[in-house]
Amino acid sequence: MDFGKAKRQAQELDEVAGSLEKLSGTQLENTLGQLGANWTGDNSVKYIGKGKILQENITATAESIREVANAIREIAEVIYEAEMEAWERAHNRD
C-alpha cells in the first residue's frame, strides 16, 4: 500500500470539504442575503428556503467527505502499523 498516496488523497479530500464549507458558509449565505434584500414576495421566500436547504446539504456533504478522509488516514495507519509489525517479526527471527 502506498501510504504517502493515501495521506495525500485524504488531504485532497479535506481541501474539497473546505471548499464546500466555504461555499455553503460565506458565499452562499451572502448570495441568499443579497437575494432576500433585492427580491421580495412569496417566490423570493420559497427560493431562499430552497437555497437554505441546499446550504444544509452542501454542509452535510462536506462533513461526509471529511469523515471519508479521516477513515482513509485511520485505515492507512492501521495497515502501516501491521506491516511494520510483520516486517519486524520477519527480521527478528532467530
PDB file of N, CA and C in Angstrom:
ATOM      1  N   MET A   1       0.849  -1.177   0.000  1.00  0.00           N
ATOM      2  CA  MET A   1       0.000   0.000   0.000  1.00  0.00           C
ATOM      3  C   MET A   1       0.894   1.239   0.000  1.00  0.00           C
ATOM      4  N   ASP A   2       0.521   2.214  -0.778  1.00  0.00           N
ATOM      5  CA  ASP A   2       1.265   3.476  -0.843  1.00  0.00           C
ATOM      6  C   ASP A   2       0.683   4.429   0.204  1.00  0.00           C
ATOM      7  N   PHE A   3       1.335   4.474   1.361  1.00  0.00           N
ATOM      8  CA  PHE A   3       0.805   5.257   2.483  1.00  0.00           C
ATOM      9  C   PHE A   3       0.871   6.750   2.215  1.00  0.00           C
ATOM     10  N   GLY A   4       1.915   7.188   1.541  1.00  0.00           N
ATOM     11  CA  GLY A   4       2.019   8.603   1.190  1.00  0.00           C
ATOM     12  C   GLY A   4       0.885   9.029   0.282  1.00  0.00           C
ATOM     13  N   LYS A   5       0.578   8.167  -0.679  1.00  0.00           N
ATOM     14  CA  LYS A   5      -0.513   8.479  -1.602  1.00  0.00           C
ATOM     15  C   LYS A   5      -1.848   8.529  -0.860  1.00  0.00           C
ATOM     16  N   ALA A   6      -2.053   7.602   0.057  1.00  0.00           N
ATOM     17  CA  ALA A   6      -3.302   7.586   0.831  1.00  0.00           C
ATOM     18  C   ALA A   6      -3.443   8.877   1.636  1.00  0.00           C
ATOM     19  N   LYS A   7      -2.349   9.312   2.244  1.00  0.00           N
ATOM     20  CA  LYS A   7      -2.410  10.549   3.030  1.00  0.00           C
ATOM     21  C   LYS A   7      -2.623  11.764   2.134  1.00  0.00           C
ATOM     22  N   ARG A   8      -1.998  11.769   0.959  1.00  0.00           N
ATOM     23  CA  ARG A   8      -2.207  12.879   0.013  1.00  0.00           C
ATOM     24  C   ARG A   8      -3.660  12.927  -0.448  1.00  0.00           C
ATOM     25  N   GLN A   9      -4.225  11.771  -0.725  1.00  0.00           N
ATOM     26  CA  GLN A   9      -5.619  11.734  -1.157  1.00  0.00           C
ATOM     27  C   GLN A   9      -6.554  12.190  -0.040  1.00  0.00           C
ATOM     28  N   ALA A  10      -6.250  11.818   1.184  1.00  0.00           N
ATOM     29  CA  ALA A  10      -7.050  12.282   2.321  1.00  0.00           C
ATOM     30  C   ALA A  10      -6.944  13.798   2.444  1.00  0.00           C
ATOM     31  N   GLN A  11      -5.744  14.332   2.229  1.00  0.00           N
ATOM     32  CA  GLN A  11      -5.559  15.784   2.281  1.00  0.00           C
ATOM     33  C   GLN A  11      -6.357  16.469   1.172  1.00  0.00           C
ATOM     34  N   GLU A  12      -6.353  15.879  -0.021  1.00  0.00           N
ATOM     35  CA  GLU A  12      -7.131  16.441  -1.129  1.00  0.00           C
ATOM     36  C   GLU A  12      -8.627  16.449  -0.795  1.00  0.00           C
ATOM     37  N   LEU A  13      -9.093  15.392  -0.165  1.00  0.00           N
ATOM     38  CA  LEU A  13     -10.498  15.342   0.249  1.00  0.00           C
ATOM     39  C   LEU A  13     -10.796  16.422   1.287  1.00  0.00           C
ATOM     40  N   ASP A  14      -9.860  16.641   2.202  1.00  0.00           N
ATOM     41  CA  ASP A  14     -10.040  17.720   3.179  1.00  0.00           C
ATOM     42  C   ASP A  14     -10.135  19.074   2.487  1.00  0.00           C
ATOM     43  N   GLU A  15      -9.340  19.267   1.444  1.00  0.00           N
ATOM     44  CA  GLU A  15      -9.383  20.528   0.703  1.00  0.00           C
ATOM     45  C   GLU A  15     -10.720  20.700  -0.015  1.00  0.00           C
ATOM     46  N   VAL A  16     -11.235  19.617  -0.590  1.00  0.00           N
ATOM     47  CA  VAL A  16     -12.550  19.670  -1.237  1.00  0.00           C
ATOM     48  C   VAL A  16     -13.615  20.010  -0.197  1.00  0.00           C
ATOM     49  N   ALA A  17     -13.542  19.361   0.953  1.00  0.00           N
ATOM     50  CA  ALA A  17     -14.505  19.639   2.022  1.00  0.00           C
ATOM     51  C   ALA A  17     -14.414  21.094   2.463  1.00  0.00           C
ATOM     52  N   GLY A  18     -13.209  21.609   2.564  1.00  0.00           N
ATOM     53  CA  GLY A  18     -13.031  23.005   2.944  1.00  0.00           C
ATOM     54  C   GLY A  18     -13.638  23.952   1.928  1.00  0.00           C
ATOM     55  N   SER A  19     -13.468  23.633   0.655  1.00  0.00           N
ATOM     56  CA  SER A  19     -14.067  24.460  -0.401  1.00  0.00           C
ATOM     57  C   SER A  19     -15.587  24.435  -0.319  1.00  0.00           C
ATOM     58  N   LEU A  20     -16.141  23.267  -0.072  1.00  0.00           N
ATOM     59  CA  LEU A  20     -17.595  23.155   0.067  1.00  0.00           C
ATOM     60  C   LEU A  20     -18.093  23.914   1.294  1.00  0.00           C
ATOM     61  N   GLU A  21     -17.350  23.834   2.385  1.00  0.00           N
ATOM     62  CA  GLU A  21     -17.744  24.566   3.590  1.00  0.00           C
ATOM     63  C   GLU A  21     -17.711  26.075   3.345  1.00  0.00           C
ATOM     64  N   LYS A  22     -16.702  26.511   2.620  1.00  0.00           N
ATOM     65  CA  LYS A  22     -16.616  27.940   2.289  1.00  0.00           C
ATOM     66  C   LYS A  22     -17.789  28.346   1.402  1.00  0.00           C
ATOM     67  N   LEU A  23     -18.103  27.492   0.433  1.00  0.00           N
ATOM     68  CA  LEU A  23     -19.219  27.761  -0.467  1.00  0.00           C
ATOM     69  C   LEU A  23     -20.529  27.849   0.305  1.00  0.00           C
ATOM     70  N   SER A  24     -20.791  26.874   1.150  1.00  0.00           N
ATOM     71  CA  SER A  24     -22.066  26.859   1.875  1.00  0.00           C
ATOM     72  C   SER A  24     -22.095  27.897   2.984  1.00  0.00           C
ATOM     73  N   GLY A  25     -20.943  28.253   3.483  1.00  0.00           N
ATOM     74  CA  GLY A  25     -20.886  29.232   4.562  1.00  0.00           C
ATOM     75  C   GLY A  25     -21.012  30.644   4.044  1.00  0.00           C
ATOM     76  N   THR A  26     -19.904  31.252   3.768  1.00  0.00           N
ATOM     77  CA  THR A  26     -19.909  32.679   3.427  1.00  0.00           C
ATOM     78  C   THR A  26     -20.495  32.974   2.056  1.00  0.00           C
ATOM     79  N   GLN A  27     -20.100  32.233   1.052  1.00  0.00           N
ATOM     80  CA  GLN A  27     -20.517  32.577  -0.313  1.00  0.00           C
ATOM     81  C   GLN A  27     -22.020  32.430  -0.519  1.00  0.00           C
ATOM     82  N   LEU A  28     -22.556  31.278  -0.197  1.00  0.00           N
ATOM     83  CA  LEU A  28     -23.988  31.050  -0.398  1.00  0.00           C
ATOM     84  C   LEU A  28     -24.810  31.901   0.568  1.00  0.00           C
ATOM     85  N   GLU A  29     -24.323  32.044   1.784  1.00  0.00           N
ATOM     86  CA  GLU A  29     -25.025  32.875   2.771  1.00  0.00           C
ATOM     87  C   GLU A  29     -25.123  34.319   2.279  1.00  0.00           C
ATOM     88  N   ASN A  30     -24.028  34.855   1.766  1.00  0.00           N
ATOM     89  CA  ASN A  30     -24.041  36.225   1.236  1.00  0.00           C
ATOM     90  C   ASN A  30     -24.975  36.352   0.037  1.00  0.00           C
ATOM     91  N   THR A  31     -24.939  35.367  -0.834  1.00  0.00           N
ATOM     92  CA  THR A  31     -25.800  35.394  -2.019  1.00  0.00           C
ATOM     93  C   THR A  31     -27.273  35.373  -1.621  1.00  0.00           C
ATOM     94  N   LEU A  32     -27.626  34.494  -0.699  1.00  0.00           N
ATOM     95  CA  LEU A  32     -29.017  34.421  -0.247  1.00  0.00           C
ATOM     96  C   LEU A  32     -29.430  35.706   0.467  1.00  0.00           C
ATOM     97  N   GLY A  33     -28.507  36.291   1.222  1.00  0.00           N
ATOM     98  CA  GLY A  33     -28.803  37.552   1.894  1.00  0.00           C
ATOM     99  C   GLY A  33     -29.056  38.682   0.910  1.00  0.00           C
ATOM    100  N   GLN A  34     -28.226  38.764  -0.123  1.00  0.00           N
ATOM    101  CA  GLN A  34     -28.415  39.794  -1.152  1.00  0.00           C
ATOM    102  C   GLN A  34     -29.703  39.557  -1.924  1.00  0.00           C
ATOM    103  N   LEU A  35     -29.980  38.310  -2.188  1.00  0.00           N
ATOM    104  CA  LEU A  35     -31.205  37.966  -2.901  1.00  0.00           C
ATOM    105  C   LEU A  35     -32.430  38.401  -2.100  1.00  0.00           C
ATOM    106  N   GLY A  36     -32.408  38.116  -0.804  1.00  0.00           N
ATOM    107  CA  GLY A  36     -33.524  38.498   0.055  1.00  0.00           C
ATOM    108  C   GLY A  36     -33.693  40.007   0.168  1.00  0.00           C
ATOM    109  N   ALA A  37     -32.587  40.721   0.093  1.00  0.00           N
ATOM    110  CA  ALA A  37     -32.660  42.185   0.192  1.00  0.00           C
ATOM    111  C   ALA A  37     -33.201  42.813  -1.084  1.00  0.00           C
ATOM    112  N   ASN A  38     -32.996  42.149  -2.215  1.00  0.00           N
ATOM    113  CA  ASN A  38     -33.364  42.735  -3.505  1.00  0.00           C
ATOM    114  C   ASN A  38     -34.594  42.118  -4.162  1.00  0.00           C
ATOM    115  N   TRP A  39     -35.095  41.027  -3.601  1.00  0.00           N
ATOM    116  CA  TRP A  39     -36.235  40.354  -4.221  1.00  0.00           C
ATOM    117  C   TRP A  39     -37.226  40.050  -3.109  1.00  0.00           C
ATOM    118  N   THR A  40     -38.415  40.538  -3.224  1.00  0.00           N
ATOM    119  CA  THR A  40     -39.422  40.323  -2.188  1.00  0.00           C
ATOM    120  C   THR A  40     -40.595  39.540  -2.761  1.00  0.00           C
ATOM    121  N   GLY A  41     -41.403  39.028  -1.886  1.00  0.00           N
ATOM    122  CA  GLY A  41     -42.586  38.291  -2.307  1.00  0.00           C
ATOM    123  C   GLY A  41     -42.506  36.832  -1.933  1.00  0.00           C
ATOM    124  N   ASP A  42     -43.616  36.122  -2.209  1.00  0.00           N
ATOM    125  CA  ASP A  42     -43.707  34.703  -1.862  1.00  0.00           C
ATOM    126  C   ASP A  42     -42.650  33.862  -2.571  1.00  0.00           C
ATOM    127  N   ASN A  43     -42.441  34.122  -3.846  1.00  0.00           N
ATOM    128  CA  ASN A  43     -41.461  33.342  -4.598  1.00  0.00           C
ATOM    129  C   ASN A  43     -40.053  33.547  -4.057  1.00  0.00           C
ATOM    130  N   SER A  44     -39.769  34.751  -3.611  1.00  0.00           N
ATOM    131  CA  SER A  44     -38.466  35.029  -3.013  1.00  0.00           C
ATOM    132  C   SER A  44     -38.253  34.176  -1.770  1.00  0.00           C
ATOM    133  N   VAL A  45     -39.251  34.143  -0.924  1.00  0.00           N
ATOM    134  CA  VAL A  45     -39.162  33.368   0.321  1.00  0.00           C
ATOM    135  C   VAL A  45     -38.973  31.885   0.008  1.00  0.00           C
ATOM    136  N   LYS A  46     -39.719  31.375  -0.964  1.00  0.00           N
ATOM    137  CA  LYS A  46     -39.604  29.961  -1.347  1.00  0.00           C
ATOM    138  C   LYS A  46     -38.220  29.663  -1.918  1.00  0.00           C
ATOM    139  N   TYR A  47     -37.737  30.548  -2.774  1.00  0.00           N
ATOM    140  CA  TYR A  47     -36.435  30.342  -3.408  1.00  0.00           C
ATOM    141  C   TYR A  47     -35.318  30.372  -2.365  1.00  0.00           C
ATOM    142  N   ILE A  48     -35.390  31.329  -1.468  1.00  0.00           N
ATOM    143  CA  ILE A  48     -34.382  31.420  -0.410  1.00  0.00           C
ATOM    144  C   ILE A  48     -34.463  30.200   0.507  1.00  0.00           C
ATOM    145  N   GLY A  49     -35.667  29.711   0.765  1.00  0.00           N
ATOM    146  CA  GLY A  49     -35.830  28.490   1.556  1.00  0.00           C
ATOM    147  C   GLY A  49     -35.155  27.303   0.897  1.00  0.00           C
ATOM    148  N   LYS A  50     -35.299  27.196  -0.421  1.00  0.00           N
ATOM    149  CA  LYS A  50     -34.623  26.116  -1.151  1.00  0.00           C
ATOM    150  C   LYS A  50     -33.112  26.307  -1.100  1.00  0.00           C
ATOM    151  N   GLY A  51     -32.696  27.566  -1.138  1.00  0.00           N
ATOM    152  CA  GLY A  51     -31.266  27.855  -1.021  1.00  0.00           C
ATOM    153  C   GLY A  51     -30.709  27.424   0.324  1.00  0.00           C
ATOM    154  N   LYS A  52     -31.486  27.623   1.380  1.00  0.00           N
ATOM    155  CA  LYS A  52     -31.068  27.200   2.727  1.00  0.00           C
ATOM    156  C   LYS A  52     -30.966  25.675   2.812  1.00  0.00           C
ATOM    157  N   ILE A  53     -31.909  24.990   2.167  1.00  0.00           N
ATOM    158  CA  ILE A  53     -31.851  23.521   2.140  1.00  0.00           C
ATOM    159  C   ILE A  53     -30.600  23.070   1.398  1.00  0.00           C
ATOM    160  N   LEU A  54     -30.317  23.713   0.279  1.00  0.00           N
ATOM    161  CA  LEU A  54     -29.099  23.406  -0.475  1.00  0.00           C
ATOM    162  C   LEU A  54     -27.869  23.644   0.393  1.00  0.00           C
ATOM    163  N   GLN A  55     -27.876  24.731   1.121  1.00  0.00           N
ATOM    164  CA  GLN A  55     -26.762  25.070   2.005  1.00  0.00           C
ATOM    165  C   GLN A  55     -26.539  23.958   3.039  1.00  0.00           C
ATOM    166  N   GLU A  56     -27.612  23.472   3.627  1.00  0.00           N
ATOM    167  CA  GLU A  56     -27.515  22.377   4.601  1.00  0.00           C
ATOM    168  C   GLU A  56     -26.976  21.107   3.950  1.00  0.00           C
ATOM    169  N   ASN A  57     -27.438  20.820   2.730  1.00  0.00           N
ATOM    170  CA  ASN A  57     -26.968  19.629   2.019  1.00  0.00           C
ATOM    171  C   ASN A  57     -25.481  19.725   1.690  1.00  0.00           C
ATOM    172  N   ILE A  58     -25.038  20.899   1.278  1.00  0.00           N
ATOM    173  CA  ILE A  58     -23.618  21.089   0.967  1.00  0.00           C
ATOM    174  C   ILE A  58     -22.779  20.900   2.229  1.00  0.00           C
ATOM    175  N   THR A  59     -23.246  21.458   3.336  1.00  0.00           N
ATOM    176  CA  THR A  59     -22.533  21.312   4.606  1.00  0.00           C
ATOM    177  C   THR A  59     -22.458  19.845   5.019  1.00  0.00           C
ATOM    178  N   ALA A  60     -23.555  19.117   4.871  1.00  0.00           N
ATOM    179  CA  ALA A  60     -23.573  17.689   5.213  1.00  0.00           C
ATOM    180  C   ALA A  60     -22.629  16.898   4.315  1.00  0.00           C
ATOM    181  N   THR A  61     -22.586  17.253   3.040  1.00  0.00           N
ATOM    182  CA  THR A  61     -21.678  16.577   2.114  1.00  0.00           C
ATOM    183  C   THR A  61     -20.228  16.828   2.510  1.00  0.00           C
ATOM    184  N   ALA A  62     -19.915  18.055   2.880  1.00  0.00           N
ATOM    185  CA  ALA A  62     -18.558  18.384   3.323  1.00  0.00           C
ATOM    186  C   ALA A  62     -18.178  17.561   4.552  1.00  0.00           C
ATOM    187  N   GLU A  63     -19.107  17.423   5.485  1.00  0.00           N
ATOM    188  CA  GLU A  63     -18.850  16.616   6.682  1.00  0.00           C
ATOM    189  C   GLU A  63     -18.597  15.155   6.309  1.00  0.00           C
ATOM    190  N   SER A  64     -19.374  14.640   5.366  1.00  0.00           N
ATOM    191  CA  SER A  64     -19.190  13.254   4.922  1.00  0.00           C
ATOM    192  C   SER A  64     -17.832  13.067   4.257  1.00  0.00           C
ATOM    193  N   ILE A  65     -17.428  14.037   3.465  1.00  0.00           N
ATOM    194  CA  ILE A  65     -16.122  13.961   2.804  1.00  0.00           C
ATOM    195  C   ILE A  65     -15.008  13.963   3.846  1.00  0.00           C
ATOM    196  N   ARG A  66     -15.138  14.777   4.870  1.00  0.00           N
ATOM    197  CA  ARG A  66     -14.132  14.796   5.951  1.00  0.00           C
ATOM    198  C   ARG A  66     -14.086  13.445   6.671  1.00  0.00           C
ATOM    199  N   GLU A  67     -15.241  12.830   6.868  1.00  0.00           N
ATOM    200  CA  GLU A  67     -15.278  11.509   7.504  1.00  0.00           C
ATOM    201  C   GLU A  67     -14.550  10.475   6.653  1.00  0.00           C
ATOM    202  N   VAL A  68     -14.732  10.545   5.344  1.00  0.00           N
ATOM    203  CA  VAL A  68     -14.034   9.627   4.440  1.00  0.00           C
ATOM    204  C   VAL A  68     -12.530   9.859   4.527  1.00  0.00           C
ATOM    205  N   ALA A  69     -12.118  11.119   4.522  1.00  0.00           N
ATOM    206  CA  ALA A  69     -10.694  11.442   4.624  1.00  0.00           C
ATOM    207  C   ALA A  69     -10.108  10.894   5.925  1.00  0.00           C
ATOM    208  N   ASN A  70     -10.824  11.061   7.012  1.00  0.00           N
ATOM    209  CA  ASN A  70     -10.354  10.539   8.300  1.00  0.00           C
ATOM    210  C   ASN A  70     -10.287   9.019   8.295  1.00  0.00           C
ATOM    211  N   ALA A  71     -11.257   8.379   7.663  1.00  0.00           N
ATOM    212  CA  ALA A  71     -11.249   6.913   7.572  1.00  0.00           C
ATOM    213  C   ALA A  71     -10.047   6.437   6.765  1.00  0.00           C
ATOM    214  N   ILE A  72      -9.735   7.128   5.680  1.00  0.00           N
ATOM    215  CA  ILE A  72      -8.561   6.768   4.872  1.00  0.00           C
ATOM    216  C   ILE A  72      -7.301   6.847   5.726  1.00  0.00           C
ATOM    217  N   ARG A  73      -7.167   7.922   6.493  1.00  0.00           N
ATOM    218  CA  ARG A  73      -5.987   8.082   7.356  1.00  0.00           C
ATOM    219  C   ARG A  73      -5.904   6.968   8.401  1.00  0.00           C
ATOM    220  N   GLU A  74      -7.033   6.679   9.035  1.00  0.00           N
ATOM    221  CA  GLU A  74      -7.049   5.651  10.077  1.00  0.00           C
ATOM    222  C   GLU A  74      -6.710   4.278   9.506  1.00  0.00           C
ATOM    223  N   ILE A  75      -7.296   3.943   8.375  1.00  0.00           N
ATOM    224  CA  ILE A  75      -7.037   2.637   7.756  1.00  0.00           C
ATOM    225  C   ILE A  75      -5.585   2.540   7.322  1.00  0.00           C
ATOM    226  N   ALA A  76      -5.062   3.600   6.717  1.00  0.00           N
ATOM    227  CA  ALA A  76      -3.664   3.600   6.289  1.00  0.00           C
ATOM    228  C   ALA A  76      -2.742   3.415   7.489  1.00  0.00           C
ATOM    229  N   GLU A  77      -3.053   4.056   8.589  1.00  0.00           N
ATOM    230  CA  GLU A  77      -2.229   3.943   9.796  1.00  0.00           C
ATOM    231  C   GLU A  77      -2.263   2.524  10.351  1.00  0.00           C
ATOM    232  N   VAL A  78      -3.444   1.927  10.401  1.00  0.00           N
ATOM    233  CA  VAL A  78      -3.575   0.557  10.911  1.00  0.00           C
ATOM    234  C   VAL A  78      -2.803  -0.419  10.022  1.00  0.00           C
ATOM    235  N   ILE A  79      -2.942  -0.272   8.717  1.00  0.00           N
ATOM    236  CA  ILE A  79      -2.228  -1.160   7.792  1.00  0.00           C
ATOM    237  C   ILE A  79      -0.725  -0.955   7.914  1.00  0.00           C
ATOM    238  N   TYR A  80      -0.295   0.293   8.002  1.00  0.00           N
ATOM    239  CA  TYR A  80       1.132   0.590   8.142  1.00  0.00           C
ATOM    240  C   TYR A  80       1.693  -0.065   9.401  1.00  0.00           C
ATOM    241  N   GLU A  81       0.991   0.102  10.519  1.00  0.00           N
ATOM    242  CA  GLU A  81       1.455  -0.499  11.772  1.00  0.00           C
ATOM    243  C   GLU A  81       1.509  -2.017  11.676  1.00  0.00           C
ATOM    244  N   ALA A  82       0.517  -2.623  11.032  1.00  0.00           N
ATOM    245  CA  ALA A  82       0.501  -4.082  10.874  1.00  0.00           C
ATOM    246  C   ALA A  82       1.659  -4.540   9.992  1.00  0.00           C
ATOM    247  N   GLU A  83       1.926  -3.807   8.922  1.00  0.00           N
ATOM    248  CA  GLU A  83       3.037  -4.172   8.041  1.00  0.00           C
ATOM    249  C   GLU A  83       4.381  -4.005   8.741  1.00  0.00           C
ATOM    250  N   MET A  84       4.526  -2.969   9.535  1.00  0.00           N
ATOM    251  CA  MET A  84       5.780  -2.765  10.266  1.00  0.00           C
ATOM    252  C   MET A  84       5.978  -3.857  11.311  1.00  0.00           C
ATOM    253  N   GLU A  85       4.902  -4.253  11.963  1.00  0.00           N
ATOM    254  CA  GLU A  85       4.987  -5.334  12.942  1.00  0.00           C
ATOM    255  C   GLU A  85       5.362  -6.646  12.256  1.00  0.00           C
ATOM    256  N   ALA A  86       4.756  -6.921  11.109  1.00  0.00           N
ATOM    257  CA  ALA A  86       5.081  -8.141  10.361  1.00  0.00           C
ATOM    258  C   ALA A  86       6.528  -8.107   9.882  1.00  0.00           C
ATOM    259  N   TRP A  87       6.979  -6.957   9.418  1.00  0.00           N
ATOM    260  CA  TRP A  87       8.359  -6.819   8.952  1.00  0.00           C
ATOM    261  C   TRP A  87       9.326  -7.060  10.109  1.00  0.00           C
ATOM    262  N   GLU A  88       8.995  -6.485  11.262  1.00  0.00           N
ATOM    263  CA  GLU A  88       9.854  -6.640  12.434  1.00  0.00           C
ATOM    264  C   GLU A  88       9.928  -8.101  12.865  1.00  0.00           C
ATOM    265  N   ARG A  89       8.797  -8.784  12.870  1.00  0.00           N
ATOM    266  CA  ARG A  89       8.788 -10.207  13.233  1.00  0.00           C
ATOM    267  C   ARG A  89       9.618 -11.025  12.253  1.00  0.00           C
ATOM    268  N   ALA A  90       9.481 -10.725  10.977  1.00  0.00           N
ATOM    269  CA  ALA A  90      10.214 -11.475   9.955  1.00  0.00           C
ATOM    270  C   ALA A  90      11.719 -11.264  10.084  1.00  0.00           C
ATOM    271  N   HIS A  91      12.134 -10.087  10.476  1.00  0.00           N
ATOM    272  CA  HIS A  91      13.562  -9.787  10.552  1.00  0.00           C
ATOM    273  C   HIS A  91      14.177 -10.092  11.915  1.00  0.00           C
ATOM    274  N   ASN A  92      13.371 -10.385  12.893  1.00  0.00           N
ATOM    275  CA  ASN A  92      13.891 -10.695  14.227  1.00  0.00           C
ATOM    276  C   ASN A  92      13.843 -12.183  14.539  1.00  0.00           C
ATOM    277  N   ARG A  93      13.610 -12.994  13.532  1.00  0.00           N
ATOM    278  CA  ARG A  93      13.604 -14.448  13.751  1.00  0.00           C
ATOM    279  C   ARG A  93      15.032 -14.918  13.998  1.00  0.00           C
ATOM    280  N   ASP A  94      15.157 -15.773  14.938  1.00  0.00           N
ATOM    281  CA  ASP A  94      16.496 -16.307  15.258  1.00  0.00           C
ATOM    282  C   ASP A  94      16.685 -17.694  14.768  1.00  0.00           C
TER     283      ASP A  94
END
